[in-house]
Amino acid sequence: MKGYSSDAAIQSRYLLKGLGMLGCEAINLAIKDFSSGGEYLQKVQKELDVPLISANINFTESQKPFTRPFMLKKLTARQRSGLPFSKLTVGIFGLCDEKENLLNRNLPEAQLISTDPVAAARATVSDLKKDAELIILLFNGRYKTCEAILQAVPGIDVVVVGGEYYKVMPNSESKPIMVSTPSLGKYFGRLNLTLNAKKEIVNHEITRVTLDEKIPDDPQMVKLVADFEKEQRNAGTASSPQH
């Protein structure tokens, strides 16, 4: 696309494809995700059928949402699981920092804006409470912005933090529960929640798995990386000047 590098577009597509292969239930959008443009991102979303969400990214002129603000996941307990309930509805919504223009002003496509995340959180949590029994926020941005959201908007049970993820203290007893996976994806984070019969969180455990050579390679992911590197090389060759 005019105005964006082909490398960024290739990276965006393969990253989303990989997240889809991992079975991600919701993928929160943030400011840097629009390096290849909004139209391109929508094209890839449709092509790969990935679950993108954002409660505060809108089209500037129409103020219509760029994508769905949240997801509702209805979970059913396995037989003989020992849980005090059989079903649980989880609401997942996404937010990022506020920014006036997400795209280059000179590009011939509709401009996007990320609005006040506190106001967006307040409205979205109000909607989610109609159906969700557990609410999870996926946040990407400054830690102080995340703190402002949590201070202003009650009802959020868990926050997964990106951006300034390194400011999240592991195993903190703060409420809501805050988790992150630091060190540029070198760890896999797992959060175990214990709920009572009223579906309230009464305990939680955070563990991190080091993604090192002890973890066997996944054949599908190995192929994905190889395909990505091949396409990157081909794109570089095609864009090189001919002598």
C-alpha atoms as a PDB file:
ATOM      1  CA  MET A   1       0.000   0.000   0.000  1.00  0.00           C
ATOM      2  CA  LYS A   2       1.176   3.510  -0.806  1.00  0.00           C
ATOM      3  CA  GLY A   3       2.810   5.198   2.156  1.00  0.00           C
ATOM      4  CA  TYR A   4       3.602   2.017   4.076  1.00  0.00           C
ATOM      5  CA  SER A   5       6.527  -0.399   3.835  1.00  0.00           C
ATOM      6  CA  SER A   6       5.886  -3.871   2.447  1.00  0.00           C
ATOM      7  CA  ASP A   7       7.878  -5.304   5.377  1.00  0.00           C
ATOM      8  CA  ALA A   8       5.378  -3.903   7.882  1.00  0.00           C
ATOM      9  CA  ALA A   9       2.450  -5.326   5.926  1.00  0.00           C
ATOM     10  CA  ILE A  10       4.035  -8.778   5.718  1.00  0.00           C
ATOM     11  CA  GLN A  11       4.867  -8.753   9.432  1.00  0.00           C
ATOM     12  CA  SER A  12       1.303  -7.733  10.348  1.00  0.00           C
ATOM     13  CA  ARG A  13      -0.249 -10.529   8.315  1.00  0.00           C
ATOM     14  CA  TYR A  14       2.036 -13.265   9.609  1.00  0.00           C
ATOM     15  CA  LEU A  15       1.755 -12.076  13.215  1.00  0.00           C
ATOM     16  CA  LEU A  16      -2.038 -12.228  13.052  1.00  0.00           C
ATOM     17  CA  LYS A  17      -1.896 -15.576  11.301  1.00  0.00           C
ATOM     18  CA  GLY A  18       0.312 -16.945  14.076  1.00  0.00           C
ATOM     19  CA  LEU A  19      -1.989 -15.633  16.807  1.00  0.00           C
ATOM     20  CA  GLY A  20      -4.913 -17.265  15.026  1.00  0.00           C
ATOM     21  CA  MET A  21      -3.037 -20.582  14.881  1.00  0.00           C
ATOM     22  CA  LEU A  22      -2.427 -20.342  18.632  1.00  0.00           C
ATOM     23  CA  GLY A  23      -6.186 -20.151  19.173  1.00  0.00           C
ATOM     24  CA  CYS A  24      -6.337 -16.652  20.655  1.00  0.00           C
ATOM     25  CA  GLU A  25      -9.919 -15.821  21.641  1.00  0.00           C
ATOM     26  CA  ALA A  26      -9.411 -12.043  21.414  1.00  0.00           C
ATOM     27  CA  ILE A  27      -6.656  -9.795  20.015  1.00  0.00           C
ATOM     28  CA  ASN A  28      -6.577  -6.209  21.270  1.00  0.00           C
ATOM     29  CA  LEU A  29      -5.533  -3.507  18.818  1.00  0.00           C
ATOM     30  CA  ALA A  30      -3.107  -0.735  19.765  1.00  0.00           C
ATOM     31  CA  ILE A  31      -1.550   2.294  18.103  1.00  0.00           C
ATOM     32  CA  LYS A  32       1.438   0.478  16.555  1.00  0.00           C
ATOM     33  CA  ASP A  33      -0.805  -2.129  14.929  1.00  0.00           C
ATOM     34  CA  PHE A  34      -1.809   0.424  12.294  1.00  0.00           C
ATOM     35  CA  SER A  35       1.653   0.761  10.742  1.00  0.00           C
ATOM     36  CA  SER A  36       0.268  -0.838   7.568  1.00  0.00           C
ATOM     37  CA  GLY A  37      -2.979   1.156   7.540  1.00  0.00           C
ATOM     38  CA  GLY A  38      -6.527   0.539   8.657  1.00  0.00           C
ATOM     39  CA  GLU A  39      -7.799  -0.798   5.344  1.00  0.00           C
ATOM     40  CA  TYR A  40      -5.002  -3.349   5.178  1.00  0.00           C
ATOM     41  CA  LEU A  41      -5.715  -4.506   8.729  1.00  0.00           C
ATOM     42  CA  GLN A  42      -9.407  -4.987   7.926  1.00  0.00           C
ATOM     43  CA  LYS A  43      -8.472  -6.929   4.791  1.00  0.00           C
ATOM     44  CA  VAL A  44      -6.212  -9.280   6.775  1.00  0.00           C
ATOM     45  CA  GLN A  45      -8.830  -9.683   9.515  1.00  0.00           C
ATOM     46  CA  LYS A  46     -11.387 -10.784   6.941  1.00  0.00           C
ATOM     47  CA  GLU A  47      -8.894 -13.061   5.179  1.00  0.00           C
ATOM     48  CA  LEU A  48      -7.702 -14.832   8.340  1.00  0.00           C
ATOM     49  CA  ASP A  49     -10.905 -14.516  10.427  1.00  0.00           C
ATOM     50  CA  VAL A  50      -8.987 -13.361  13.513  1.00  0.00           C
ATOM     51  CA  PRO A  51     -10.870 -11.987  16.566  1.00  0.00           C
ATOM     52  CA  LEU A  52      -9.726  -8.342  16.688  1.00  0.00           C
ATOM     53  CA  ILE A  53     -11.260  -6.103  19.353  1.00  0.00           C
ATOM     54  CA  SER A  54     -10.979  -2.482  20.456  1.00  0.00           C
ATOM     55  CA  ALA A  55     -13.374  -0.412  22.527  1.00  0.00           C
ATOM     56  CA  ASN A  56     -11.727   2.956  21.811  1.00  0.00           C
ATOM     57  CA  ILE A  57     -10.533   2.955  18.190  1.00  0.00           C
ATOM     58  CA  ASN A  58     -13.031   4.659  15.895  1.00  0.00           C
ATOM     59  CA  PHE A  59     -13.228   6.228  12.457  1.00  0.00           C
ATOM     60  CA  THR A  60     -12.580   9.936  13.016  1.00  0.00           C
ATOM     61  CA  GLU A  61     -15.338  11.343  10.813  1.00  0.00           C
ATOM     62  CA  SER A  62     -18.198   8.940  11.507  1.00  0.00           C
ATOM     63  CA  GLN A  63     -17.117   7.931  15.061  1.00  0.00           C
ATOM     64  CA  LYS A  64     -18.132   4.382  14.164  1.00  0.00           C
ATOM     65  CA  PRO A  65     -16.014   1.645  15.788  1.00  0.00           C
ATOM     66  CA  PHE A  66     -13.175   0.217  13.724  1.00  0.00           C
ATOM     67  CA  THR A  67     -13.962  -3.282  14.963  1.00  0.00           C
ATOM     68  CA  ARG A  68     -16.051  -4.949  17.673  1.00  0.00           C
ATOM     69  CA  PRO A  69     -15.427  -3.509  21.169  1.00  0.00           C
ATOM     70  CA  PHE A  70     -15.597  -6.803  23.071  1.00  0.00           C
ATOM     71  CA  MET A  71     -16.124 -10.545  22.945  1.00  0.00           C
ATOM     72  CA  LEU A  72     -18.435 -12.710  25.021  1.00  0.00           C
ATOM     73  CA  LYS A  73     -17.274 -16.270  25.628  1.00  0.00           C
ATOM     74  CA  LYS A  74     -19.673 -18.799  27.124  1.00  0.00           C
ATOM     75  CA  LEU A  75     -17.737 -21.517  28.940  1.00  0.00           C
ATOM     76  CA  THR A  76     -19.150 -24.879  30.011  1.00  0.00           C
ATOM     77  CA  ALA A  77     -17.490 -26.922  32.730  1.00  0.00           C
ATOM     78  CA  ARG A  78     -16.376 -30.452  32.012  1.00  0.00           C
ATOM     79  CA  GLN A  79     -18.294 -33.260  33.648  1.00  0.00           C
ATOM     80  CA  ARG A  80     -16.952 -34.155  37.104  1.00  0.00           C
ATOM     81  CA  SER A  81     -14.831 -30.999  37.122  1.00  0.00           C
ATOM     82  CA  GLY A  82     -15.728 -30.310  40.732  1.00  0.00           C
ATOM     83  CA  LEU A  83     -16.648 -26.691  39.974  1.00  0.00           C
ATOM     84  CA  PRO A  84     -19.492 -25.131  41.986  1.00  0.00           C
ATOM     85  CA  PHE A  85     -21.208 -24.048  38.732  1.00  0.00           C
ATOM     86  CA  SER A  86     -21.615 -25.488  35.237  1.00  0.00           C
ATOM     87  CA  LYS A  87     -21.486 -22.385  33.035  1.00  0.00           C
ATOM     88  CA  LEU A  88     -19.615 -19.079  33.000  1.00  0.00           C
ATOM     89  CA  THR A  89     -19.885 -16.092  30.641  1.00  0.00           C
ATOM     90  CA  VAL A  90     -16.648 -14.157  30.221  1.00  0.00           C
ATOM     91  CA  GLY A  91     -16.481 -10.690  28.681  1.00  0.00           C
ATOM     92  CA  ILE A  92     -13.210  -9.565  27.080  1.00  0.00           C
ATOM     93  CA  PHE A  93     -12.649  -5.997  25.905  1.00  0.00           C
ATOM     94  CA  GLY A  94      -9.643  -4.059  24.653  1.00  0.00           C
ATOM     95  CA  LEU A  95      -8.263  -0.543  25.125  1.00  0.00           C
ATOM     96  CA  CYS A  96      -5.168   1.448  24.186  1.00  0.00           C
ATOM     97  CA  ASP A  97      -3.775   4.924  24.817  1.00  0.00           C
ATOM     98  CA  GLU A  98      -5.551   7.984  23.438  1.00  0.00           C
ATOM     99  CA  LYS A  99      -4.220   9.442  20.163  1.00  0.00           C
ATOM    100  CA  GLU A 100      -5.731  11.970  17.751  1.00  0.00           C
ATOM    101  CA  ASN A 101      -4.519  10.420  14.484  1.00  0.00           C
ATOM    102  CA  LEU A 102      -3.494   6.779  14.074  1.00  0.00           C
ATOM    103  CA  LEU A 103      -2.699   7.024  10.373  1.00  0.00           C
ATOM    104  CA  ASN A 104      -0.584   9.228   8.143  1.00  0.00           C
ATOM    105  CA  ARG A 105      -2.749  12.239   7.217  1.00  0.00           C
ATOM    106  CA  ASN A 106      -1.629  12.060   3.567  1.00  0.00           C
ATOM    107  CA  LEU A 107      -2.985   8.576   2.978  1.00  0.00           C
ATOM    108  CA  PRO A 108      -6.181   8.236   0.917  1.00  0.00           C
ATOM    109  CA  GLU A 109      -8.161   6.271   3.482  1.00  0.00           C
ATOM    110  CA  ALA A 110     -10.476   7.082   6.360  1.00  0.00           C
ATOM    111  CA  GLN A 111      -8.589   8.461   9.368  1.00  0.00           C
ATOM    112  CA  LEU A 112      -8.770   6.664  12.711  1.00  0.00           C
ATOM    113  CA  ILE A 113      -8.664   7.949  16.270  1.00  0.00           C
ATOM    114  CA  SER A 114      -8.183   6.275  19.636  1.00  0.00           C
ATOM    115  CA  THR A 115     -10.548   7.965  22.070  1.00  0.00           C
ATOM    116  CA  ASP A 116     -10.404   8.522  25.837  1.00  0.00           C
ATOM    117  CA  PRO A 117      -9.902   4.996  27.248  1.00  0.00           C
ATOM    118  CA  VAL A 118     -11.501   5.849  30.596  1.00  0.00           C
ATOM    119  CA  ALA A 119     -14.767   6.933  28.966  1.00  0.00           C
ATOM    120  CA  ALA A 120     -14.663   3.927  26.644  1.00  0.00           C
ATOM    121  CA  ALA A 121     -14.046   1.578  29.571  1.00  0.00           C
ATOM    122  CA  ARG A 122     -16.963   3.021  31.517  1.00  0.00           C
ATOM    123  CA  ALA A 123     -19.376   2.523  28.616  1.00  0.00           C
ATOM    124  CA  THR A 124     -18.083  -0.932  27.676  1.00  0.00           C
ATOM    125  CA  VAL A 125     -18.099  -2.351  31.203  1.00  0.00           C
ATOM    126  CA  SER A 126     -21.673  -1.113  31.593  1.00  0.00           C
ATOM    127  CA  ASP A 127     -22.634  -3.061  28.453  1.00  0.00           C
ATOM    128  CA  LEU A 128     -20.683  -6.162  29.486  1.00  0.00           C
ATOM    129  CA  LYS A 129     -22.293  -6.345  32.914  1.00  0.00           C
ATOM    130  CA  LYS A 130     -25.613  -7.165  31.243  1.00  0.00           C
ATOM    131  CA  ASP A 131     -24.307 -10.621  30.290  1.00  0.00           C
ATOM    132  CA  ALA A 132     -20.755 -11.209  31.551  1.00  0.00           C
ATOM    133  CA  GLU A 133     -20.029 -12.764  34.939  1.00  0.00           C
ATOM    134  CA  LEU A 134     -16.274 -12.224  34.646  1.00  0.00           C
ATOM    135  CA  ILE A 135     -14.732  -9.219  32.848  1.00  0.00           C
ATOM    136  CA  ILE A 136     -11.217  -9.156  31.392  1.00  0.00           C
ATOM    137  CA  LEU A 137      -9.492  -6.053  30.047  1.00  0.00           C
ATOM    138  CA  LEU A 138      -6.718  -6.320  27.448  1.00  0.00           C
ATOM    139  CA  PHE A 139      -4.780  -3.054  27.698  1.00  0.00           C
ATOM    140  CA  ASN A 140      -1.848  -1.735  25.676  1.00  0.00           C
ATOM    141  CA  GLY A 141      -0.195   1.554  26.572  1.00  0.00           C
ATOM    142  CA  ARG A 142       1.112   3.568  29.495  1.00  0.00           C
ATOM    143  CA  TYR A 143       0.777   2.052  32.935  1.00  0.00           C
ATOM    144  CA  LYS A 144      -0.562   5.289  34.448  1.00  0.00           C
ATOM    145  CA  THR A 145      -3.380   5.242  31.886  1.00  0.00           C
ATOM    146  CA  CYS A 146      -4.253   1.716  32.944  1.00  0.00           C
ATOM    147  CA  GLU A 147      -4.255   2.810  36.586  1.00  0.00           C
ATOM    148  CA  ALA A 148      -6.585   5.707  35.737  1.00  0.00           C
ATOM    149  CA  ILE A 149      -9.020   3.297  34.071  1.00  0.00           C
ATOM    150  CA  LEU A 150      -9.079   0.953  37.044  1.00  0.00           C
ATOM    151  CA  GLN A 151      -9.558   3.788  39.522  1.00  0.00           C
ATOM    152  CA  ALA A 152     -12.471   5.236  37.551  1.00  0.00           C
ATOM    153  CA  VAL A 153     -14.239   2.082  36.383  1.00  0.00           C
ATOM    154  CA  PRO A 154     -15.204  -0.661  38.861  1.00  0.00           C
ATOM    155  CA  GLY A 155     -16.230  -4.111  37.724  1.00  0.00           C
ATOM    156  CA  ILE A 156     -13.084  -5.257  35.905  1.00  0.00           C
ATOM    157  CA  ASP A 157     -11.805  -8.579  37.291  1.00  0.00           C
ATOM    158  CA  VAL A 158      -8.569  -9.189  35.354  1.00  0.00           C
ATOM    159  CA  VAL A 159      -6.248  -6.952  33.324  1.00  0.00           C
ATOM    160  CA  VAL A 160      -3.700  -8.252  30.810  1.00  0.00           C
ATOM    161  CA  VAL A 161      -1.179  -5.459  30.269  1.00  0.00           C
ATOM    162  CA  GLY A 162       0.914  -4.711  27.193  1.00  0.00           C
ATOM    163  CA  GLY A 163       2.947  -1.601  26.426  1.00  0.00           C
ATOM    164  CA  GLU A 164       4.501  -0.751  29.797  1.00  0.00           C
ATOM    165  CA  TYR A 165       4.059  -4.382  30.856  1.00  0.00           C
ATOM    166  CA  TYR A 166       7.279  -4.268  32.878  1.00  0.00           C
ATOM    167  CA  LYS A 167       5.599  -2.099  35.541  1.00  0.00           C
ATOM    168  CA  VAL A 168       3.219  -4.891  36.509  1.00  0.00           C
ATOM    169  CA  MET A 169       4.404  -6.554  39.706  1.00  0.00           C
ATOM    170  CA  PRO A 170       4.159 -10.365  39.489  1.00  0.00           C
ATOM    171  CA  ASN A 171       1.984 -12.079  42.106  1.00  0.00           C
ATOM    172  CA  SER A 172       0.676  -8.731  43.310  1.00  0.00           C
ATOM    173  CA  GLU A 173      -2.347  -8.937  45.587  1.00  0.00           C
ATOM    174  CA  SER A 174      -3.887  -5.809  44.070  1.00  0.00           C
ATOM    175  CA  LYS A 175      -7.415  -5.860  42.689  1.00  0.00           C
ATOM    176  CA  PRO A 176      -8.261  -6.283  39.936  1.00  0.00           C
ATOM    177  CA  ILE A 177      -5.685  -8.950  39.125  1.00  0.00           C
ATOM    178  CA  MET A 178      -3.008  -7.598  36.753  1.00  0.00           C
ATOM    179  CA  VAL A 179      -0.800  -9.837  34.628  1.00  0.00           C
ATOM    180  CA  SER A 180       1.738  -9.426  31.829  1.00  0.00           C
ATOM    181  CA  THR A 181       4.348 -11.470  29.950  1.00  0.00           C
ATOM    182  CA  PRO A 182       7.626  -9.523  30.056  1.00  0.00           C
ATOM    183  CA  SER A 183      10.916  -9.817  28.157  1.00  0.00           C
ATOM    184  CA  LEU A 184       9.577  -9.578  24.604  1.00  0.00           C
ATOM    185  CA  GLY A 185       7.696 -12.853  24.502  1.00  0.00           C
ATOM    186  CA  LYS A 186      10.401 -14.990  26.107  1.00  0.00           C
ATOM    187  CA  TYR A 187       7.855 -16.318  28.599  1.00  0.00           C
ATOM    188  CA  PHE A 188       4.395 -17.849  28.368  1.00  0.00           C
ATOM    189  CA  GLY A 189       2.088 -16.575  31.079  1.00  0.00           C
ATOM    190  CA  ARG A 190      -0.636 -18.631  32.723  1.00  0.00           C
ATOM    191  CA  LEU A 191      -3.275 -17.383  35.145  1.00  0.00           C
ATOM    192  CA  ASN A 192      -5.336 -19.867  37.167  1.00  0.00           C
ATOM    193  CA  LEU A 193      -8.460 -18.475  38.798  1.00  0.00           C
ATOM    194  CA  THR A 194     -10.472 -20.074  41.607  1.00  0.00           C
ATOM    195  CA  LEU A 195     -14.126 -18.985  41.723  1.00  0.00           C
ATOM    196  CA  ASN A 196     -16.777 -19.701  44.340  1.00  0.00           C
ATOM    197  CA  ALA A 197     -20.429 -20.634  43.774  1.00  0.00           C
ATOM    198  CA  LYS A 198     -21.252 -16.936  43.241  1.00  0.00           C
ATOM    199  CA  LYS A 199     -18.632 -16.867  40.455  1.00  0.00           C
ATOM    200  CA  GLU A 200     -16.427 -14.506  42.446  1.00  0.00           C
ATOM    201  CA  ILE A 201     -12.631 -14.830  42.295  1.00  0.00           C
ATOM    202  CA  VAL A 202     -11.413 -16.106  45.662  1.00  0.00           C
ATOM    203  CA  ASN A 203      -7.866 -17.076  44.679  1.00  0.00           C
ATOM    204  CA  HIS A 204      -5.458 -16.879  41.753  1.00  0.00           C
ATOM    205  CA  GLU A 205      -2.076 -18.233  40.741  1.00  0.00           C
ATOM    206  CA  ILE A 206       0.300 -16.735  38.161  1.00  0.00           C
ATOM    207  CA  THR A 207       2.967 -18.893  36.534  1.00  0.00           C
ATOM    208  CA  ARG A 208       5.452 -18.209  33.745  1.00  0.00           C
ATOM    209  CA  VAL A 209       6.953 -20.809  31.442  1.00  0.00           C
ATOM    210  CA  THR A 210      10.342 -19.970  29.953  1.00  0.00           C
ATOM    211  CA  LEU A 211      10.242 -20.393  26.177  1.00  0.00           C
ATOM    212  CA  ASP A 212      13.748 -21.783  25.702  1.00  0.00           C
ATOM    213  CA  GLU A 213      15.346 -24.732  23.892  1.00  0.00           C
ATOM    214  CA  LYS A 214      13.605 -27.148  26.271  1.00  0.00           C
ATOM    215  CA  ILE A 215      10.307 -26.360  24.550  1.00  0.00           C
ATOM    216  CA  PRO A 216      10.036 -28.478  21.357  1.00  0.00           C
ATOM    217  CA  ASP A 217       9.398 -26.659  18.087  1.00  0.00           C
ATOM    218  CA  ASP A 218       5.868 -26.760  16.720  1.00  0.00           C
ATOM    219  CA  PRO A 219       6.009 -27.940  13.068  1.00  0.00           C
ATOM    220  CA  GLN A 220       3.225 -25.577  11.980  1.00  0.00           C
ATOM    221  CA  MET A 221       4.955 -22.586  13.576  1.00  0.00           C
ATOM    222  CA  VAL A 222       8.302 -23.573  12.055  1.00  0.00           C
ATOM    223  CA  LYS A 223       6.660 -23.596   8.631  1.00  0.00           C
ATOM    224  CA  LEU A 224       4.987 -20.248   9.329  1.00  0.00           C
ATOM    225  CA  VAL A 225       8.349 -18.656  10.184  1.00  0.00           C
ATOM    226  CA  ALA A 226       9.944 -20.158   7.070  1.00  0.00           C
ATOM    227  CA  ASP A 227       7.108 -18.859   4.874  1.00  0.00           C
ATOM    228  CA  PHE A 228       7.414 -15.412   6.476  1.00  0.00           C
ATOM    229  CA  GLU A 229      11.171 -15.221   5.889  1.00  0.00           C
ATOM    230  CA  LYS A 230      10.766 -16.390   2.289  1.00  0.00           C
ATOM    231  CA  GLU A 231       8.090 -13.789   1.550  1.00  0.00           C
ATOM    232  CA  GLN A 232      10.220 -11.079   3.155  1.00  0.00           C
ATOM    233  CA  ARG A 233      13.182 -12.017   0.962  1.00  0.00           C
ATOM    234  CA  ASN A 234      11.024 -12.072  -2.164  1.00  0.00           C
ATOM    235  CA  ALA A 235       9.538  -8.674  -1.306  1.00  0.00           C
ATOM    236  CA  GLY A 236      13.032  -7.244  -0.802  1.00  0.00           C
ATOM    237  CA  THR A 237      14.190  -8.611  -4.129  1.00  0.00           C
ATOM    238  CA  ALA A 238      11.140  -7.224  -5.935  1.00  0.00           C
ATOM    239  CA  SER A 239      11.665  -3.758  -4.474  1.00  0.00           C
ATOM    240  CA  SER A 240      15.419  -3.622  -5.205  1.00  0.00           C
ATOM    241  CA  PRO A 241      16.434  -1.302  -8.067  1.00  0.00           C
ATOM    242  CA  GLN A 242      17.325  -3.068 -11.308  1.00  0.00           C
ATOM    243  CA  HIS A 243      20.668  -2.274 -12.946  1.00  0.00           C
END
